[in-house]
Protein backbone atom coordinates (compact mmCIF):
# COMPACT_ATOMS: atom_id res chain seq x y z
CA MET A 1 -170.65 95.18 103.21
CA MET A 2 -171.80 97.92 100.82
CA ALA A 3 -168.21 99.02 100.36
CA ARG A 4 -167.19 95.52 99.37
CA LEU A 5 -170.13 95.34 96.94
CA HIS A 6 -169.01 98.58 95.33
CA ILE A 7 -165.51 97.17 95.02
CA LEU A 8 -166.93 94.03 93.38
CA LEU A 9 -168.90 96.06 90.84
CA LEU A 10 -165.83 98.16 90.10
CA LEU A 11 -163.81 94.99 89.55
CA LEU A 12 -166.40 93.62 87.13
CA LEU A 13 -166.26 96.84 85.14
CA ILE A 14 -162.48 96.62 85.02
CA LEU A 15 -162.70 93.00 83.81
CA THR A 16 -165.17 94.02 81.12
CA PHE A 17 -163.03 96.84 79.78
CA SER A 18 -159.81 94.84 80.08
CA GLY A 19 -161.44 91.97 78.11
CA CYS A 20 -162.29 94.37 75.30
CA ARG A 21 -158.77 95.80 75.33
CA ALA A 22 -156.79 92.64 76.04
CA SER A 23 -154.29 93.23 73.28
CA GLY A 24 -153.63 96.80 74.35
CA SER A 25 -153.60 96.47 78.17
CA SER A 26 -150.66 98.10 79.85
CA GLN A 27 -148.73 96.70 82.73
CA SER A 28 -149.87 99.48 85.07
CA ASP A 29 -153.54 98.61 84.52
CA LEU A 30 -152.86 94.99 85.38
CA VAL A 31 -151.03 95.92 88.54
CA SER A 32 -153.86 98.17 89.72
CA ALA A 33 -156.36 95.39 89.13
CA LYS A 34 -154.18 93.08 91.12
CA ASP A 35 -154.09 95.48 94.03
CA ILE A 36 -157.87 95.77 94.04
CA ALA A 37 -158.27 92.01 94.00
CA LYS A 38 -156.41 91.74 97.29
CA ASP A 39 -159.37 93.25 99.14
CA ILE A 40 -161.89 90.75 97.80
CA PRO A 41 -162.87 87.88 100.10
CA ALA A 42 -161.85 84.39 99.12
CA ASP A 43 -165.41 83.19 98.54
CA LEU A 44 -166.22 86.06 96.18
CA SER A 45 -162.90 85.62 94.41
CA SER A 46 -163.68 81.98 93.65
CA VAL A 47 -167.07 82.94 92.30
CA ILE A 48 -165.51 85.49 89.99
CA GLU A 49 -162.98 82.96 88.73
CA THR A 50 -165.76 80.44 88.10
CA GLN A 51 -167.78 82.98 86.13
CA ALA A 52 -164.72 84.01 84.14
CA ALA A 53 -164.01 80.38 83.27
CA ARG A 54 -167.50 80.02 81.78
CA VAL A 55 -167.01 82.86 79.34
CA SER A 56 -166.76 81.51 75.78
CA VAL A 57 -165.69 83.12 72.53
CA PRO A 58 -167.69 82.66 69.29
CA ALA A 59 -166.00 80.35 66.77
CA GLU A 60 -165.84 82.97 64.04
CA HIS A 61 -163.87 85.32 66.33
CA MET A 62 -161.41 82.74 67.58
CA PRO A 63 -157.81 83.30 66.45
CA VAL A 64 -156.16 80.63 64.38
CA THR A 65 -152.71 80.30 65.89
CA LYS A 66 -152.61 82.32 69.15
CA ILE A 67 -155.04 82.57 72.06
CA GLN A 68 -155.01 85.58 74.42
CA LYS A 69 -155.89 84.82 78.06
CA VAL A 70 -156.68 87.74 80.39
CA SER A 71 -156.74 87.37 84.14
CA LEU A 72 -156.20 89.50 87.22
CA GLN A 73 -152.67 88.22 87.56
CA PHE A 74 -151.03 88.54 84.14
CA THR A 75 -151.54 88.50 80.40
CA GLU A 76 -149.82 85.68 78.52
CA THR A 77 -149.73 84.26 75.04
CA VAL A 78 -150.38 80.54 74.88
CA GLU A 79 -148.94 78.73 71.90
CA PRO A 80 -150.96 75.82 70.54
CA ASP A 81 -149.82 72.49 71.85
CA TYR A 82 -148.78 70.16 69.04
CA SER A 83 -148.84 66.56 70.05
CA THR A 84 -146.77 65.41 67.10
CA GLU A 85 -143.15 66.38 66.67
CA ILE A 86 -141.72 67.59 63.40
CA SER A 87 -140.21 64.59 61.73
CA HIS A 88 -136.65 64.94 60.60
CA SER A 89 -135.99 64.57 56.93
CA THR A 90 -134.89 61.07 56.18
CA ARG A 91 -131.58 60.67 54.50
CA GLN A 92 -131.86 59.30 51.01
CA SER A 93 -129.21 56.92 49.78
CA LEU A 94 -128.19 57.48 46.18
CA SER A 95 -126.81 54.83 43.90
CA VAL A 96 -124.61 55.67 40.96
CA TYR A 97 -127.60 55.47 38.63
CA GLY A 98 -129.70 57.65 40.91
CA SER A 99 -126.89 60.21 41.06
CA ILE A 100 -126.65 60.27 37.27
CA SER A 101 -130.41 60.75 36.99
CA LEU A 102 -130.27 63.70 39.40
CA ALA A 103 -127.34 65.21 37.51
CA LEU A 104 -129.12 64.94 34.16
CA ALA A 105 -132.23 66.52 35.63
CA GLY A 106 -130.79 69.23 37.88
CA ASN A 107 -127.31 70.15 36.70
CA PRO A 108 -127.41 73.93 36.05
CA ASP A 109 -125.28 73.78 32.91
CA LEU A 110 -127.48 71.10 31.34
CA VAL A 111 -130.68 72.92 32.23
CA ALA A 112 -129.39 76.08 30.56
CA LEU A 113 -128.05 74.22 27.53
CA ARG A 114 -131.35 72.46 26.85
CA GLU A 115 -132.97 75.84 26.21
CA THR A 116 -130.92 76.19 23.02
CA GLU A 117 -132.99 73.43 21.43
CA GLN A 118 -136.02 75.72 21.31
CA VAL A 119 -133.93 78.29 19.47
CA GLY A 120 -133.03 75.66 16.86
CA VAL A 121 -136.67 74.65 16.51
CA ALA A 122 -137.63 78.28 15.94
CA THR A 123 -134.89 78.58 13.31
CA VAL A 124 -136.36 75.59 11.48
CA GLY A 125 -139.74 77.29 11.57
CA VAL A 126 -138.26 80.39 9.95
CA ALA A 127 -136.55 78.32 7.24
CA GLU A 128 -139.75 76.44 6.46
CA THR A 129 -141.63 79.68 5.88
CA TYR A 130 -141.53 80.54 2.19
CA PRO A 131 -140.59 84.20 1.58
CA PHE A 132 -143.97 85.07 0.09
CA ASN A 133 -144.13 88.86 0.26
CA PRO A 134 -145.80 90.46 -2.81
CA ILE A 135 -144.85 93.96 -3.88
CA LEU A 136 -147.66 96.37 -4.63
CA GLN A 137 -146.79 99.39 -6.71
CA ALA A 138 -149.27 102.13 -7.78
CA GLN A 139 -148.90 105.44 -9.60
CA VAL A 140 -151.49 108.13 -10.40
CA THR A 141 -150.85 111.18 -12.61
CA PRO A 142 -153.98 113.37 -12.68
CA GLY A 143 -152.41 116.34 -14.45
CA GLN A 144 -152.28 115.29 -18.13
CA TYR A 145 -151.90 118.07 -20.75
CA PHE A 146 -151.90 118.15 -24.52
CA PRO A 147 -148.86 119.49 -26.35
CA GLY A 148 -150.75 122.73 -26.88
CA GLY A 149 -151.17 123.25 -23.17
CA GLY A 150 -154.77 122.20 -22.58
CA PRO A 151 -155.76 119.52 -20.08
CA THR A 152 -156.77 116.13 -21.44
CA GLY A 153 -159.35 115.52 -18.76
CA ASN A 154 -158.01 111.99 -18.11
CA ALA A 155 -155.80 110.75 -15.27
CA TYR A 156 -152.96 108.35 -16.03
CA HIS A 157 -152.57 105.57 -13.42
CA TYR A 158 -151.40 101.99 -13.08
CA VAL A 159 -151.33 99.25 -10.41
CA LEU A 160 -148.63 96.57 -10.33
CA LEU A 161 -148.56 93.44 -8.10
CA MET A 162 -145.31 91.41 -8.20
CA GLN A 163 -143.80 88.45 -6.33
CA ARG A 164 -140.23 87.16 -6.32
CA ILE A 165 -140.03 83.50 -7.35
CA GLN A 166 -137.00 81.29 -6.65
CA LEU A 167 -136.25 78.96 -9.53
CA ALA A 168 -133.46 76.80 -8.06
CA HIS A 169 -135.15 75.29 -4.96
CA GLN A 170 -133.38 77.58 -2.48
CA GLN A 171 -136.19 76.97 0.00
CA GLN A 172 -135.32 73.27 0.27
CA PHE A 173 -131.64 74.01 0.89
CA ARG A 174 -132.48 76.52 3.62
CA GLU A 175 -134.64 73.90 5.30
CA ASP A 176 -131.84 71.35 5.05
CA ALA A 177 -129.39 73.76 6.68
CA ALA A 178 -131.81 74.58 9.50
CA HIS A 179 -132.58 70.91 10.21
CA SER A 180 -128.87 70.05 10.21
CA ALA A 181 -128.16 72.92 12.59
CA LEU A 182 -130.94 71.67 14.88
CA ASN A 183 -129.38 68.19 14.82
CA GLY A 184 -126.07 69.74 15.80
CA VAL A 185 -127.70 71.54 18.74
CA ARG A 186 -129.33 68.33 19.93
CA TRP A 187 -126.13 66.34 19.63
CA ASN A 188 -124.37 69.09 21.59
CA ILE A 189 -126.91 68.58 24.36
CA HIS A 190 -126.32 64.81 24.23
CA GLN A 191 -122.58 65.38 24.40
CA ALA A 192 -123.02 67.55 27.48
CA GLU A 193 -125.23 64.89 29.03
CA LEU A 194 -122.62 62.23 28.29
CA GLN A 195 -119.88 64.31 29.90
CA ALA A 196 -122.15 64.98 32.87
CA THR A 197 -122.76 61.25 33.20
CA SER A 198 -119.05 60.50 33.11
CA LEU A 199 -118.17 63.27 35.57
CA THR A 200 -120.95 62.26 37.95
CA ALA A 201 -119.73 58.67 37.93
CA GLN A 202 -116.18 59.86 38.62
CA LEU A 203 -117.29 62.01 41.56
CA TYR A 204 -119.53 59.23 42.89
CA PHE A 205 -116.75 56.63 42.77
CA THR A 206 -114.34 59.14 44.31
CA ALA A 207 -116.73 59.58 47.24
CA LEU A 208 -116.93 55.80 47.65
CA TYR A 209 -113.13 55.62 47.58
CA GLN A 210 -112.78 58.36 50.21
CA ARG A 211 -115.36 56.63 52.37
CA GLY A 212 -113.39 53.41 52.12
CA LEU A 213 -110.25 55.23 53.29
CA LEU A 214 -112.29 56.72 56.13
CA GLU A 215 -113.44 53.26 57.23
CA VAL A 216 -109.87 51.99 57.19
CA ALA A 217 -108.69 55.00 59.20
CA GLN A 218 -111.54 54.57 61.68
CA ALA A 219 -110.75 50.88 62.18
CA SER A 220 -107.08 51.72 62.73
CA GLN A 221 -107.94 54.42 65.25
CA ASP A 222 -110.31 52.15 67.18
CA ASN A 223 -107.66 49.44 67.36
CA ASN A 224 -105.02 51.87 68.59
CA GLU A 225 -107.33 53.25 71.26
CA ARG A 226 -108.08 49.76 72.56
CA LEU A 227 -104.40 48.87 72.44
CA LEU A 228 -103.44 52.07 74.25
CA ALA A 229 -106.00 51.41 76.96
CA ALA A 230 -104.72 47.86 77.45
CA LEU A 231 -101.10 48.99 77.52
CA SER A 232 -101.88 51.71 80.04
CA LYS A 233 -103.28 49.12 82.43
CA ARG A 234 -100.28 46.85 81.92
CA PHE A 235 -97.91 49.77 82.39
CA ASP A 236 -99.58 50.63 85.69
CA ALA A 237 -99.14 47.01 86.68
CA GLY A 238 -95.47 47.13 85.67
CA ASP A 239 -95.74 44.52 82.92
CA ILE A 240 -94.41 46.68 80.05
CA SER A 241 -91.91 49.46 79.68
CA GLY A 242 -92.66 53.13 79.17
CA ALA A 243 -91.08 53.03 75.70
CA ASP A 244 -93.73 50.61 74.45
CA LEU A 245 -96.49 52.80 75.86
CA ALA A 246 -94.98 55.92 74.29
CA THR A 247 -94.69 54.19 70.92
CA VAL A 248 -98.34 53.22 70.91
CA ARG A 249 -99.36 56.69 72.13
CA ILE A 250 -97.47 58.35 69.27
CA ASP A 251 -98.98 55.92 66.78
CA THR A 252 -102.46 56.67 68.16
CA ARG A 253 -101.95 60.39 67.64
CA ALA A 254 -100.83 59.77 64.06
CA THR A 255 -103.87 57.63 63.26
CA SER A 256 -106.10 60.26 64.86
CA GLN A 257 -104.75 62.88 62.47
CA GLN A 258 -105.18 60.49 59.56
CA LEU A 259 -108.79 59.93 60.62
CA ARG A 260 -109.52 63.65 60.67
CA LEU A 261 -107.91 64.05 57.25
CA ALA A 262 -109.91 61.13 55.84
CA GLU A 263 -113.13 62.63 57.22
CA ALA A 264 -112.32 66.01 55.62
CA ASN A 265 -111.55 64.39 52.26
CA TYR A 266 -114.77 62.39 52.36
CA GLN A 267 -116.88 65.46 53.12
CA SER A 268 -115.13 67.36 50.36
CA SER A 269 -115.89 64.60 47.86
CA LEU A 270 -119.54 64.65 48.95
CA ARG A 271 -119.74 68.41 48.40
CA ASN A 272 -118.26 68.04 44.93
CA LEU A 273 -120.82 65.37 44.09
CA ARG A 274 -123.72 67.46 45.40
CA ARG A 275 -122.57 70.45 43.37
CA GLN A 276 -122.55 68.29 40.26
CA LEU A 277 -126.07 67.07 41.06
CA GLY A 278 -127.34 70.61 41.53
CA LEU A 279 -127.97 70.04 45.27
CA PRO A 280 -127.08 72.40 48.13
CA PRO A 281 -123.87 71.60 50.06
CA ASP A 282 -125.84 70.64 53.19
CA SER A 283 -128.22 68.32 51.38
CA PRO A 284 -129.06 65.21 53.44
CA GLU A 285 -128.54 62.79 50.54
CA GLU A 286 -125.91 60.12 51.14
CA ILE A 287 -124.29 57.67 48.77
CA ALA A 288 -124.90 53.95 48.85
CA GLY A 289 -122.64 51.11 47.82
CA ASP A 290 -119.06 50.03 48.28
CA LEU A 291 -116.25 49.76 45.77
CA ARG A 292 -115.29 46.41 47.28
CA THR A 293 -118.74 44.91 46.67
CA THR A 294 -119.54 46.50 43.30
CA GLN A 295 -120.01 44.09 40.41
CA TRP A 296 -117.68 45.13 37.59
CA LEU A 297 -118.21 43.93 34.02
CA LEU A 298 -115.83 43.75 31.10
CA PRO A 299 -117.72 44.69 27.93
CA THR A 300 -116.63 43.08 24.68
CA ALA A 301 -117.98 42.74 21.17
CA GLU A 302 -119.67 39.44 22.03
CA ASN A 303 -121.58 38.57 25.18
CA ASP A 304 -121.36 34.80 24.88
CA GLY A 305 -119.53 32.56 27.32
CA SER A 306 -119.73 34.93 30.28
CA MET A 307 -118.38 33.74 33.62
CA LYS A 308 -118.21 35.31 37.02
CA SER A 309 -114.97 35.41 38.98
CA GLU A 310 -114.61 34.92 42.71
CA ILE A 311 -114.26 38.63 43.51
CA ASN A 312 -117.56 39.69 42.00
CA PHE A 313 -116.10 40.40 38.56
CA ARG A 314 -117.69 39.12 35.42
CA SER A 315 -115.78 38.81 32.19
CA VAL A 316 -116.56 37.49 28.77
CA ASN A 317 -114.47 35.87 26.09
CA GLU A 318 -112.57 38.59 24.29
CA ALA A 319 -113.44 38.73 20.62
CA PRO A 320 -110.79 39.51 18.00
CA ASP A 321 -112.75 42.49 16.63
CA ASN A 322 -112.73 44.59 19.81
CA ARG A 323 -110.89 47.37 17.99
CA ALA A 324 -113.61 47.56 15.37
CA TRP A 325 -116.18 47.42 18.15
CA MET A 326 -114.58 50.39 19.88
CA THR A 327 -114.46 52.19 16.55
CA SER A 328 -118.20 51.74 16.13
CA TRP A 329 -118.81 53.16 19.60
CA ALA A 330 -116.53 56.10 18.85
CA ALA A 331 -118.29 56.79 15.55
CA SER A 332 -121.61 57.17 17.38
CA ARG A 333 -120.22 59.49 20.04
CA PRO A 334 -122.20 62.75 20.28
CA ASP A 335 -119.29 65.08 19.54
CA VAL A 336 -118.54 63.12 16.36
CA LEU A 337 -122.18 63.43 15.34
CA VAL A 338 -122.02 67.16 16.07
CA ALA A 339 -119.12 67.44 13.65
CA HIS A 340 -121.07 65.42 11.09
CA ALA A 341 -124.08 67.72 11.54
CA ASN A 342 -121.79 70.69 10.86
CA VAL A 343 -120.75 68.98 7.62
CA ASP A 344 -124.42 68.72 6.66
CA VAL A 345 -124.92 72.41 7.42
CA ALA A 346 -121.94 73.32 5.22
CA SER A 347 -123.20 71.04 2.45
CA ALA A 348 -126.62 72.70 2.54
CA GLY A 349 -124.90 76.10 2.47
CA LEU A 350 -122.93 75.08 -0.60
CA ASN A 351 -126.10 73.90 -2.35
CA LEU A 352 -127.80 77.17 -1.47
CA ALA A 353 -124.88 79.20 -2.84
CA SER A 354 -124.95 77.19 -6.06
CA ALA A 355 -128.71 77.69 -6.33
CA ASP A 356 -128.34 81.44 -5.79
CA ARG A 357 -126.32 81.62 -9.02
CA VAL A 358 -129.59 81.04 -10.82
CA PRO A 359 -131.30 84.47 -10.81
CA ASP A 360 -134.72 84.82 -9.27
CA ILE A 361 -137.59 86.14 -11.36
CA THR A 362 -139.97 88.81 -10.14
CA THR A 363 -143.30 88.72 -11.92
CA GLY A 364 -146.93 89.65 -11.47
CA PRO A 365 -150.02 91.14 -13.12
CA TYR A 366 -150.54 94.82 -13.78
CA TYR A 367 -153.40 97.20 -14.67
CA GLN A 368 -152.90 100.53 -16.47
CA ARG A 369 -154.93 103.43 -17.90
CA ASP A 370 -153.12 105.81 -20.21
CA ALA A 371 -153.79 109.44 -21.07
CA SER A 372 -156.07 108.58 -23.94
CA GLY A 373 -158.38 106.62 -21.67
CA LEU A 374 -157.36 103.15 -22.82
CA TYR A 375 -157.15 100.34 -20.26
CA HIS A 376 -154.25 97.89 -20.31
CA PHE A 377 -154.02 94.50 -18.58
CA GLY A 378 -150.95 92.31 -18.71
CA LEU A 379 -148.07 90.47 -16.99
CA ARG A 380 -144.72 91.98 -16.04
CA ALA A 381 -141.48 90.13 -15.23
CA GLU A 382 -138.01 91.20 -14.08
CA LEU A 383 -134.81 89.15 -14.14
CA SER A 384 -131.31 90.15 -13.08
CA LEU A 385 -128.50 89.28 -15.49
CA PRO A 386 -125.60 87.50 -13.70
CA ILE A 387 -122.91 88.96 -15.90
CA ILE A 388 -120.64 90.73 -13.44
CA ASN A 389 -121.74 89.11 -10.17
CA THR A 390 -122.12 85.46 -11.07
CA GLY A 391 -122.13 84.22 -7.44
CA ARG A 392 -119.01 82.14 -7.99
CA PRO A 393 -116.98 83.69 -5.10
CA LEU A 394 -119.70 82.84 -2.53
CA GLU A 395 -119.91 79.33 -3.90
CA THR A 396 -116.15 78.96 -3.59
CA GLN A 397 -116.33 80.14 0.03
CA ARG A 398 -119.05 77.65 0.87
CA MET A 399 -117.06 74.86 -0.75
CA THR A 400 -114.01 75.78 1.34
CA GLU A 401 -116.15 75.73 4.49
CA LEU A 402 -117.44 72.29 3.54
CA ASN A 403 -113.89 70.98 3.10
CA GLN A 404 -112.84 72.48 6.42
CA ARG A 405 -115.76 70.97 8.34
CA THR A 406 -115.24 67.62 6.65
CA ALA A 407 -111.63 67.64 7.84
CA VAL A 408 -112.79 68.54 11.36
CA TRP A 409 -115.26 65.66 11.33
CA ARG A 410 -112.61 63.18 10.21
CA GLN A 411 -110.14 64.32 12.83
CA THR A 412 -112.82 64.29 15.51
CA LEU A 413 -113.66 60.72 14.54
CA LEU A 414 -110.00 59.73 14.64
CA ARG A 415 -109.53 61.35 18.05
CA ALA A 416 -112.66 59.62 19.34
CA GLU A 417 -111.37 56.25 18.13
CA LEU A 418 -108.01 56.77 19.85
CA GLU A 419 -109.63 57.95 23.07
CA ALA A 420 -112.07 55.05 23.08
CA GLN A 421 -109.36 52.49 22.47
CA ALA A 422 -107.11 54.00 25.16
CA ALA A 423 -109.95 54.15 27.68
CA PHE A 424 -110.91 50.55 26.98
CA GLU A 425 -107.32 49.35 27.36
CA ARG A 426 -106.97 51.23 30.63
CA TYR A 427 -110.17 49.73 32.00
CA LYS A 428 -109.24 46.25 30.78
CA LEU A 429 -105.82 46.50 32.42
CA ALA A 430 -107.31 47.53 35.78
CA PHE A 431 -109.94 44.82 35.43
CA ASP A 432 -107.35 42.12 34.78
CA VAL A 433 -105.16 43.26 37.70
CA LEU A 434 -108.01 43.16 40.17
CA ALA A 435 -109.33 39.90 38.77
CA LYS A 436 -106.11 38.26 39.98
CA GLU A 437 -106.27 39.79 43.45
CA LYS A 438 -108.37 38.73 46.43
CA THR A 439 -110.42 41.65 47.62
CA LEU A 440 -110.73 41.96 51.39
CA SER A 441 -113.97 43.22 52.83
CA ALA A 442 -114.19 46.18 55.17
CA SER A 443 -114.88 43.91 58.15
CA GLU A 444 -111.68 41.89 57.71
CA LEU A 445 -109.45 44.76 58.83
CA PRO A 446 -110.78 45.05 62.39
CA GLN A 447 -110.92 41.26 62.63
CA GLU A 448 -107.24 40.97 61.76
CA LEU A 449 -106.33 43.73 64.18
CA GLN A 450 -108.39 42.22 66.95
CA SER A 451 -106.70 38.87 66.50
CA LEU A 452 -103.32 40.56 66.83
CA GLU A 453 -104.54 42.36 69.93
CA LYS A 454 -105.55 39.05 71.50
CA GLN A 455 -102.15 37.60 70.73
CA PHE A 456 -100.52 40.61 72.37
CA LEU A 457 -102.67 40.30 75.49
CA ALA A 458 -101.76 36.63 75.64
CA GLY A 459 -98.08 37.58 75.53
CA GLU A 460 -97.42 35.85 72.19
CA VAL A 461 -96.25 38.98 70.33
CA ASP A 462 -94.76 42.30 71.38
CA VAL A 463 -95.84 45.86 70.56
CA VAL A 464 -93.41 46.29 67.69
CA ARG A 465 -94.80 43.30 65.82
CA ILE A 466 -98.34 44.51 66.34
CA ILE A 467 -97.51 47.90 64.86
CA GLN A 468 -95.69 46.31 61.93
CA ALA A 469 -98.56 43.91 61.24
CA ARG A 470 -101.10 46.71 61.50
CA THR A 471 -99.08 48.85 59.09
CA SER A 472 -98.91 45.98 56.59
CA ILE A 473 -102.65 45.36 56.83
CA LEU A 474 -103.42 49.06 56.34
CA GLN A 475 -101.09 49.26 53.36
CA ASN A 476 -102.79 46.24 51.83
CA GLN A 477 -106.22 47.77 52.37
CA ARG A 478 -105.19 51.12 50.89
CA ALA A 479 -103.55 49.40 47.93
CA GLN A 480 -106.73 47.48 47.17
CA LEU A 481 -108.76 50.66 47.48
CA GLU A 482 -106.35 52.37 45.10
CA LEU A 483 -106.81 49.56 42.57
CA LEU A 484 -110.57 49.67 42.93
CA ASN A 485 -110.55 53.44 42.55
CA GLU A 486 -108.44 53.13 39.41
CA LEU A 487 -110.93 50.63 38.01
CA ALA A 488 -113.88 52.87 38.92
CA GLN A 489 -112.31 56.00 37.44
CA SER A 490 -111.34 54.18 34.26
CA ALA A 491 -114.91 52.88 33.99
CA ALA A 492 -116.27 56.41 34.21
CA LEU A 493 -113.75 57.62 31.62
CA LEU A 494 -114.70 54.72 29.36
CA VAL A 495 -118.31 55.90 29.44
CA GLY A 496 -117.26 59.41 28.46
CA ALA A 497 -114.86 58.23 25.75
CA THR A 498 -117.23 55.82 24.01
CA GLY A 499 -120.75 56.87 24.94
CA MET A 500 -121.25 53.34 26.25
CA PRO A 501 -124.08 52.85 28.79
CA LEU A 502 -122.84 52.42 32.34
CA GLU A 503 -124.97 49.27 32.65
CA LEU A 504 -122.46 47.46 30.41
CA ILE A 505 -119.67 48.20 32.91
CA VAL A 506 -121.25 48.33 36.38
CA GLY A 507 -123.79 45.71 37.35
CA GLN A 508 -126.96 46.75 39.13
């Protein structure tokens, strides 16, 4: 009995020391404690376990994330049990307007380009600062001697304070040039934003187009798989020949390859769109909408007499001054306004060069004491004589630059008018073509194929006719998607060519 009591005391000591060194206990120590525990009676062992279970740890010493449990058997780390699971990030569906907003906010090129505006603002601040910088000149001559060689006892000195004054308002012309340059920087940013809007719309509509092709390929593959399963059963029953089964099997393999290609093209279009939006390639955002259900609008100079067609198109009565209307849009395009801002900069430079031909005057008060001890106070002025350097060559250069930038502005305006007119005619042509067609929805393709499948199962048509009909339906679907994609791409190009808001072309 005494031996067992000694063993119990020894075990309690081991538990005490192992509790203090729980994080540093070795495996050999735990094994030795286990061997000792084998000699303890069952009743004493239960008492020890009960006492160990009552041991509590103060709250300030409790670990935050991990809890160490020490027993005679093993040492384990118990992770906290979280009752709630980590929720998966929900996929956000982006519309064309949401995609454009993300592109304008997160496109890396636009973010970097917007920083140039602060440089232009700082340049304006420099131009608005008048070059007030007085010149202080002083001279002291203590050693004054009479002609006979004796010192006069007086020191000759003077102090002169002068400032350069511009007489031809050069300050105003420098401010005009800086403000015009800042306008050019801002219009450059707007031009980049317009191009980003147009490109984002193109990539968005391309993704919708690729998804439409994927849906058509998926419907074709599902129909072929059902047809192949039905033909396999009929072939086993001896109702059809092996040639019909082989034809459908080959066609199923072809549609399977087309499905994989359509899936790859759709994922590629999504990656291109995410790159434009400044999102990672594996971003969970998805696109919403369908080219076949999008409401397309035909913008014209007048919005009266609008009517909605049966395929979700809305047109308005075409006004006779659409060309002038396109010209007005082209004249307000950002790149045209950038060219006009460059003309203003050149004009301000010419005015500054002409003003510099008027010489500046440097003047200021002075104080002087001569050798005889007399004090002199007065005003001194300096003026350069523009006899040899009249400033005419610089003025001629600035005039040539003004003529060159004026020509660039006119040609940019002409190019913008031609591009706007061509983009509008392309969009109007695609709009008119689709306005005469009946657009089939995505659900009509499987319905048509299922009806043909029922006719085949009823023995009304053979396999060849089913394949021919399916091919015709798929060609019709792809042709309509091609037309819709042409309309969508021309709409995006019209936005970039005219600066027209997308709301005038695509209904919300």
